[in-house]
Structures are given as C-alpha cells and as structure tokens.
Amino acid sequence: MLKVTVEKDLKPLDDLARRAQELDGQLEISIANLLTADFLGQCSRFKSADELFEASGFSVHSAEDFRAIPDAEWDTFISGNTKFANWQDLLSAAVKEWTIKQLGL
C-alpha cells in the first residue's frame, strides 16, 4: 500500500503556482537577462548580448539605437549568425527559456 501525504506532496505545486502568479501580466525584462550566455551559447557563437550587438555592425547603446535598426537587416543578421530565422523567433525562444527558469522547471 502506498501512503501519500497530500500536504507535503502539494508544496511544490503551491510554489509553482506562486511563481506563475508573479509572472502574470506585463513584465519588463532586459535584453541582457533574456540573452544570457547559456542561451546564446546554445544558438550562436556569442557569449553575451553586447557581443551579439557588436558583431552586428550596428551601434546599439540604447533602446532608441536598437529601434533604429532596420528590421530586415537585423533579421538577416540573426538568421546568418544564430539558429533562428529571425529576431522574433530568437526573442520568443529566449522568453520561453527565461520563463521556464523563473518557474523553476
């Protein structure tokens, strides 16, 4: 016969629910927190977001600088230097990985 203590067994689920609730809504996450060395190491030759931006040839020192990069040129750089077809695909994967880590999964 299997004995189960429900209260102890549900604690990890309570923790997961709490972390999920903390992520609910809109969050501002820096590019550096999304494009970690681990993430970039899995999909590119870069070790940091700064290294990625530097290699792109675009001057990126602020959010305004980043927004000024033509989308098509940025997507071409991303597809040629990462395993992703474009920036949106890379960003979506980075957000997914960040969320998984925040949830402790």
N, C-alpha and C. Protein backbone atom coordinates (compact mmCIF):
# COMPACT_ATOMS: atom_id res chain seq x y z
N MET A 1 0.85 -1.17 0.00
CA MET A 1 0.00 0.00 0.00
C MET A 1 0.90 1.24 0.00
N LEU A 2 0.52 2.24 -0.78
CA LEU A 2 1.26 3.48 -0.91
C LEU A 2 0.64 4.53 -0.01
N LYS A 3 1.47 5.11 0.85
CA LYS A 3 0.98 6.20 1.71
C LYS A 3 1.41 7.52 1.09
N VAL A 4 0.50 8.44 1.01
CA VAL A 4 0.77 9.74 0.43
C VAL A 4 0.33 10.81 1.41
N THR A 5 1.24 11.74 1.66
CA THR A 5 0.90 12.88 2.49
C THR A 5 0.60 14.03 1.54
N VAL A 6 -0.65 14.33 1.38
CA VAL A 6 -1.09 15.29 0.38
C VAL A 6 -0.49 16.66 0.64
N GLU A 7 -0.47 17.09 1.86
CA GLU A 7 0.03 18.42 2.18
C GLU A 7 1.47 18.59 1.72
N LYS A 8 2.34 17.63 2.00
CA LYS A 8 3.74 17.71 1.58
C LYS A 8 3.88 17.57 0.08
N ASP A 9 3.07 16.70 -0.53
CA ASP A 9 3.15 16.47 -1.96
C ASP A 9 2.70 17.68 -2.77
N LEU A 10 1.85 18.52 -2.22
CA LEU A 10 1.35 19.69 -2.94
C LEU A 10 2.23 20.92 -2.78
N LYS A 11 3.17 20.89 -1.86
CA LYS A 11 4.03 22.06 -1.64
C LYS A 11 4.74 22.50 -2.91
N PRO A 12 5.34 21.58 -3.69
CA PRO A 12 5.98 22.04 -4.93
C PRO A 12 4.99 22.68 -5.90
N LEU A 13 3.76 22.18 -5.92
CA LEU A 13 2.75 22.78 -6.79
C LEU A 13 2.35 24.16 -6.30
N ASP A 14 2.28 24.33 -4.99
CA ASP A 14 1.98 25.65 -4.43
C ASP A 14 3.07 26.64 -4.80
N ASP A 15 4.33 26.20 -4.72
CA ASP A 15 5.46 27.06 -5.09
C ASP A 15 5.40 27.43 -6.57
N LEU A 16 5.10 26.45 -7.41
CA LEU A 16 4.98 26.70 -8.84
C LEU A 16 3.85 27.69 -9.12
N ALA A 17 2.72 27.52 -8.47
CA ALA A 17 1.59 28.43 -8.65
C ALA A 17 1.95 29.84 -8.22
N ARG A 18 2.67 29.97 -7.11
CA ARG A 18 3.10 31.29 -6.64
C ARG A 18 4.02 31.96 -7.65
N ARG A 19 5.00 31.20 -8.17
CA ARG A 19 5.93 31.76 -9.16
C ARG A 19 5.20 32.14 -10.44
N ALA A 20 4.24 31.32 -10.85
CA ALA A 20 3.47 31.63 -12.05
C ALA A 20 2.66 32.91 -11.86
N GLN A 21 2.08 33.07 -10.69
CA GLN A 21 1.31 34.28 -10.41
C GLN A 21 2.21 35.51 -10.44
N GLU A 22 3.44 35.39 -9.98
CA GLU A 22 4.38 36.51 -10.01
C GLU A 22 4.71 36.92 -11.45
N LEU A 23 4.60 36.00 -12.39
CA LEU A 23 4.90 36.29 -13.79
C LEU A 23 3.68 36.77 -14.57
N ASP A 24 2.52 36.74 -13.94
CA ASP A 24 1.29 37.14 -14.62
C ASP A 24 1.31 38.63 -14.94
N GLY A 25 0.87 38.97 -16.14
CA GLY A 25 0.81 40.36 -16.55
C GLY A 25 2.01 40.74 -17.40
N GLN A 26 2.16 42.01 -17.63
CA GLN A 26 3.28 42.50 -18.43
C GLN A 26 4.49 42.74 -17.55
N LEU A 27 5.62 42.23 -18.02
CA LEU A 27 6.87 42.42 -17.30
C LEU A 27 7.88 43.09 -18.22
N GLU A 28 8.76 43.86 -17.64
CA GLU A 28 9.87 44.41 -18.41
C GLU A 28 11.11 43.61 -18.06
N ILE A 29 11.66 42.96 -19.07
CA ILE A 29 12.84 42.12 -18.89
C ILE A 29 13.93 42.66 -19.79
N SER A 30 15.09 42.89 -19.24
CA SER A 30 16.17 43.44 -20.05
C SER A 30 16.67 42.40 -21.05
N ILE A 31 17.20 42.89 -22.15
CA ILE A 31 17.78 42.01 -23.17
C ILE A 31 18.90 41.17 -22.55
N ALA A 32 19.68 41.76 -21.66
CA ALA A 32 20.78 41.02 -21.02
C ALA A 32 20.26 39.86 -20.18
N ASN A 33 19.10 40.02 -19.56
CA ASN A 33 18.50 38.92 -18.78
C ASN A 33 17.91 37.84 -19.66
N LEU A 34 17.51 38.20 -20.87
CA LEU A 34 16.97 37.21 -21.80
C LEU A 34 18.07 36.51 -22.59
N LEU A 35 19.01 37.30 -23.08
CA LEU A 35 20.08 36.75 -23.91
C LEU A 35 21.29 36.41 -23.05
N THR A 36 21.11 35.41 -22.23
CA THR A 36 22.17 35.00 -21.32
C THR A 36 23.25 34.24 -22.08
N ALA A 37 24.39 34.07 -21.44
CA ALA A 37 25.48 33.29 -22.03
C ALA A 37 25.02 31.88 -22.34
N ASP A 38 24.26 31.28 -21.44
CA ASP A 38 23.75 29.92 -21.67
C ASP A 38 22.85 29.87 -22.90
N PHE A 39 21.92 30.80 -22.99
CA PHE A 39 21.00 30.80 -24.12
C PHE A 39 21.75 31.04 -25.43
N LEU A 40 22.57 32.08 -25.46
CA LEU A 40 23.29 32.40 -26.69
C LEU A 40 24.26 31.29 -27.07
N GLY A 41 24.84 30.63 -26.08
CA GLY A 41 25.75 29.53 -26.35
C GLY A 41 25.07 28.35 -27.03
N GLN A 42 23.78 28.20 -26.80
CA GLN A 42 23.02 27.11 -27.42
C GLN A 42 22.61 27.42 -28.86
N CYS A 43 22.57 28.70 -29.20
CA CYS A 43 22.02 29.05 -30.51
C CYS A 43 22.95 29.90 -31.38
N SER A 44 24.14 30.23 -30.86
CA SER A 44 25.04 31.09 -31.62
C SER A 44 26.46 30.94 -31.10
N ARG A 45 27.34 31.74 -31.67
CA ARG A 45 28.73 31.75 -31.21
C ARG A 45 28.99 32.86 -30.17
N PHE A 46 27.96 33.59 -29.83
CA PHE A 46 28.10 34.74 -28.94
C PHE A 46 27.95 34.34 -27.47
N LYS A 47 28.61 35.11 -26.61
CA LYS A 47 28.57 34.84 -25.18
C LYS A 47 27.75 35.87 -24.40
N SER A 48 27.36 36.94 -25.08
CA SER A 48 26.57 37.98 -24.41
C SER A 48 25.80 38.78 -25.45
N ALA A 49 24.78 39.50 -24.97
CA ALA A 49 24.02 40.38 -25.85
C ALA A 49 24.94 41.46 -26.43
N ASP A 50 25.84 41.98 -25.60
CA ASP A 50 26.77 43.01 -26.08
C ASP A 50 27.62 42.48 -27.23
N GLU A 51 28.09 41.25 -27.10
CA GLU A 51 28.91 40.65 -28.15
C GLU A 51 28.08 40.47 -29.44
N LEU A 52 26.84 40.07 -29.30
CA LEU A 52 25.95 39.92 -30.44
C LEU A 52 25.76 41.27 -31.14
N PHE A 53 25.47 42.31 -30.38
CA PHE A 53 25.26 43.64 -30.96
C PHE A 53 26.54 44.15 -31.61
N GLU A 54 27.67 43.97 -30.96
CA GLU A 54 28.94 44.43 -31.51
C GLU A 54 29.23 43.75 -32.85
N ALA A 55 29.00 42.46 -32.94
CA ALA A 55 29.27 41.72 -34.17
C ALA A 55 28.31 42.11 -35.30
N SER A 56 27.16 42.66 -34.94
CA SER A 56 26.16 43.02 -35.95
C SER A 56 26.59 44.19 -36.81
N GLY A 57 27.50 45.01 -36.29
CA GLY A 57 27.91 46.20 -37.02
C GLY A 57 27.02 47.40 -36.76
N PHE A 58 25.95 47.20 -36.01
CA PHE A 58 25.07 48.31 -35.65
C PHE A 58 25.51 48.88 -34.31
N SER A 59 25.42 50.18 -34.18
CA SER A 59 25.76 50.83 -32.92
C SER A 59 24.54 50.78 -32.00
N VAL A 60 24.63 49.96 -30.95
CA VAL A 60 23.49 49.79 -30.04
C VAL A 60 23.95 50.12 -28.62
N HIS A 61 23.61 51.34 -28.21
CA HIS A 61 23.95 51.79 -26.85
C HIS A 61 22.72 52.17 -26.06
N SER A 62 21.56 52.10 -26.71
CA SER A 62 20.31 52.46 -26.04
C SER A 62 19.15 51.76 -26.75
N ALA A 63 18.00 51.81 -26.11
CA ALA A 63 16.80 51.24 -26.73
C ALA A 63 16.47 51.96 -28.03
N GLU A 64 16.73 53.26 -28.08
CA GLU A 64 16.48 54.03 -29.30
C GLU A 64 17.38 53.55 -30.43
N ASP A 65 18.65 53.29 -30.11
CA ASP A 65 19.58 52.76 -31.12
C ASP A 65 19.06 51.44 -31.68
N PHE A 66 18.59 50.58 -30.79
CA PHE A 66 18.10 49.28 -31.22
C PHE A 66 16.87 49.42 -32.11
N ARG A 67 15.95 50.29 -31.72
CA ARG A 67 14.74 50.50 -32.51
C ARG A 67 15.05 51.09 -33.89
N ALA A 68 16.18 51.77 -34.02
CA ALA A 68 16.55 52.40 -35.29
C ALA A 68 17.11 51.39 -36.31
N ILE A 69 17.45 50.19 -35.89
CA ILE A 69 17.98 49.19 -36.82
C ILE A 69 16.85 48.73 -37.74
N PRO A 70 17.07 48.76 -39.04
CA PRO A 70 16.03 48.27 -39.96
C PRO A 70 15.73 46.79 -39.69
N ASP A 71 14.46 46.47 -39.57
CA ASP A 71 14.04 45.11 -39.22
C ASP A 71 14.61 44.06 -40.16
N ALA A 72 14.56 44.32 -41.45
CA ALA A 72 15.03 43.33 -42.43
C ALA A 72 16.52 43.07 -42.27
N GLU A 73 17.30 44.11 -42.02
CA GLU A 73 18.75 43.93 -41.84
C GLU A 73 19.06 43.18 -40.55
N TRP A 74 18.31 43.47 -39.50
CA TRP A 74 18.52 42.79 -38.22
C TRP A 74 18.14 41.31 -38.34
N ASP A 75 17.02 41.04 -39.00
CA ASP A 75 16.60 39.65 -39.21
C ASP A 75 17.62 38.89 -40.05
N THR A 76 18.20 39.54 -41.04
CA THR A 76 19.24 38.91 -41.87
C THR A 76 20.45 38.57 -41.01
N PHE A 77 20.85 39.48 -40.15
CA PHE A 77 21.98 39.22 -39.25
C PHE A 77 21.67 38.05 -38.32
N ILE A 78 20.48 38.07 -37.73
CA ILE A 78 20.09 37.00 -36.80
C ILE A 78 20.06 35.65 -37.51
N SER A 79 19.47 35.59 -38.69
CA SER A 79 19.38 34.30 -39.40
C SER A 79 20.75 33.80 -39.84
N GLY A 80 21.67 34.70 -40.11
CA GLY A 80 23.02 34.29 -40.53
C GLY A 80 23.96 33.97 -39.39
N ASN A 81 23.58 34.33 -38.16
CA ASN A 81 24.50 34.17 -37.03
C ASN A 81 23.94 33.41 -35.84
N THR A 82 22.71 32.93 -35.98
CA THR A 82 22.10 32.13 -34.93
C THR A 82 21.34 30.99 -35.59
N LYS A 83 20.77 30.12 -34.79
CA LYS A 83 19.97 29.03 -35.35
C LYS A 83 18.53 29.46 -35.65
N PHE A 84 18.23 30.73 -35.45
CA PHE A 84 16.87 31.24 -35.65
C PHE A 84 16.73 31.95 -36.99
N ALA A 85 15.52 31.90 -37.54
CA ALA A 85 15.24 32.50 -38.84
C ALA A 85 15.15 34.02 -38.77
N ASN A 86 14.80 34.55 -37.58
CA ASN A 86 14.64 36.00 -37.44
C ASN A 86 14.68 36.37 -35.96
N TRP A 87 14.64 37.66 -35.71
CA TRP A 87 14.71 38.19 -34.34
C TRP A 87 13.54 37.73 -33.50
N GLN A 88 12.34 37.74 -34.06
CA GLN A 88 11.15 37.35 -33.29
C GLN A 88 11.26 35.91 -32.81
N ASP A 89 11.75 35.02 -33.67
CA ASP A 89 11.92 33.62 -33.27
C ASP A 89 12.95 33.50 -32.14
N LEU A 90 14.05 34.23 -32.25
CA LEU A 90 15.07 34.20 -31.20
C LEU A 90 14.50 34.75 -29.90
N LEU A 91 13.82 35.88 -29.99
CA LEU A 91 13.26 36.51 -28.80
C LEU A 91 12.22 35.62 -28.13
N SER A 92 11.37 34.98 -28.92
CA SER A 92 10.35 34.08 -28.37
C SER A 92 11.00 32.91 -27.62
N ALA A 93 12.05 32.35 -28.20
CA ALA A 93 12.75 31.24 -27.55
C ALA A 93 13.42 31.71 -26.26
N ALA A 94 13.99 32.90 -26.27
CA ALA A 94 14.64 33.45 -25.08
C ALA A 94 13.63 33.69 -23.96
N VAL A 95 12.47 34.22 -24.31
CA VAL A 95 11.41 34.46 -23.31
C VAL A 95 10.93 33.12 -22.74
N LYS A 96 10.77 32.14 -23.60
CA LYS A 96 10.34 30.82 -23.14
C LYS A 96 11.35 30.24 -22.15
N GLU A 97 12.64 30.30 -22.50
CA GLU A 97 13.66 29.77 -21.60
C GLU A 97 13.70 30.54 -20.28
N TRP A 98 13.59 31.86 -20.35
CA TRP A 98 13.60 32.70 -19.15
C TRP A 98 12.41 32.33 -18.25
N THR A 99 11.24 32.14 -18.85
CA THR A 99 10.03 31.81 -18.09
C THR A 99 10.20 30.46 -17.40
N ILE A 100 10.72 29.48 -18.10
CA ILE A 100 10.94 28.16 -17.53
C ILE A 100 11.86 28.26 -16.32
N LYS A 101 12.91 29.06 -16.43
CA LYS A 101 13.83 29.22 -15.30
C LYS A 101 13.16 29.93 -14.13
N GLN A 102 12.33 30.93 -14.44
CA GLN A 102 11.64 31.65 -13.37
C GLN A 102 10.66 30.75 -12.64
N LEU A 103 10.07 29.81 -13.36
CA LEU A 103 9.12 28.88 -12.75
C LEU A 103 9.83 27.75 -12.00
N GLY A 104 11.14 27.66 -12.19
CA GLY A 104 11.90 26.61 -11.50
C GLY A 104 11.72 25.23 -12.12
N LEU A 105 11.40 25.19 -13.39
CA LEU A 105 11.19 23.91 -14.07
C LEU A 105 12.46 23.40 -14.71
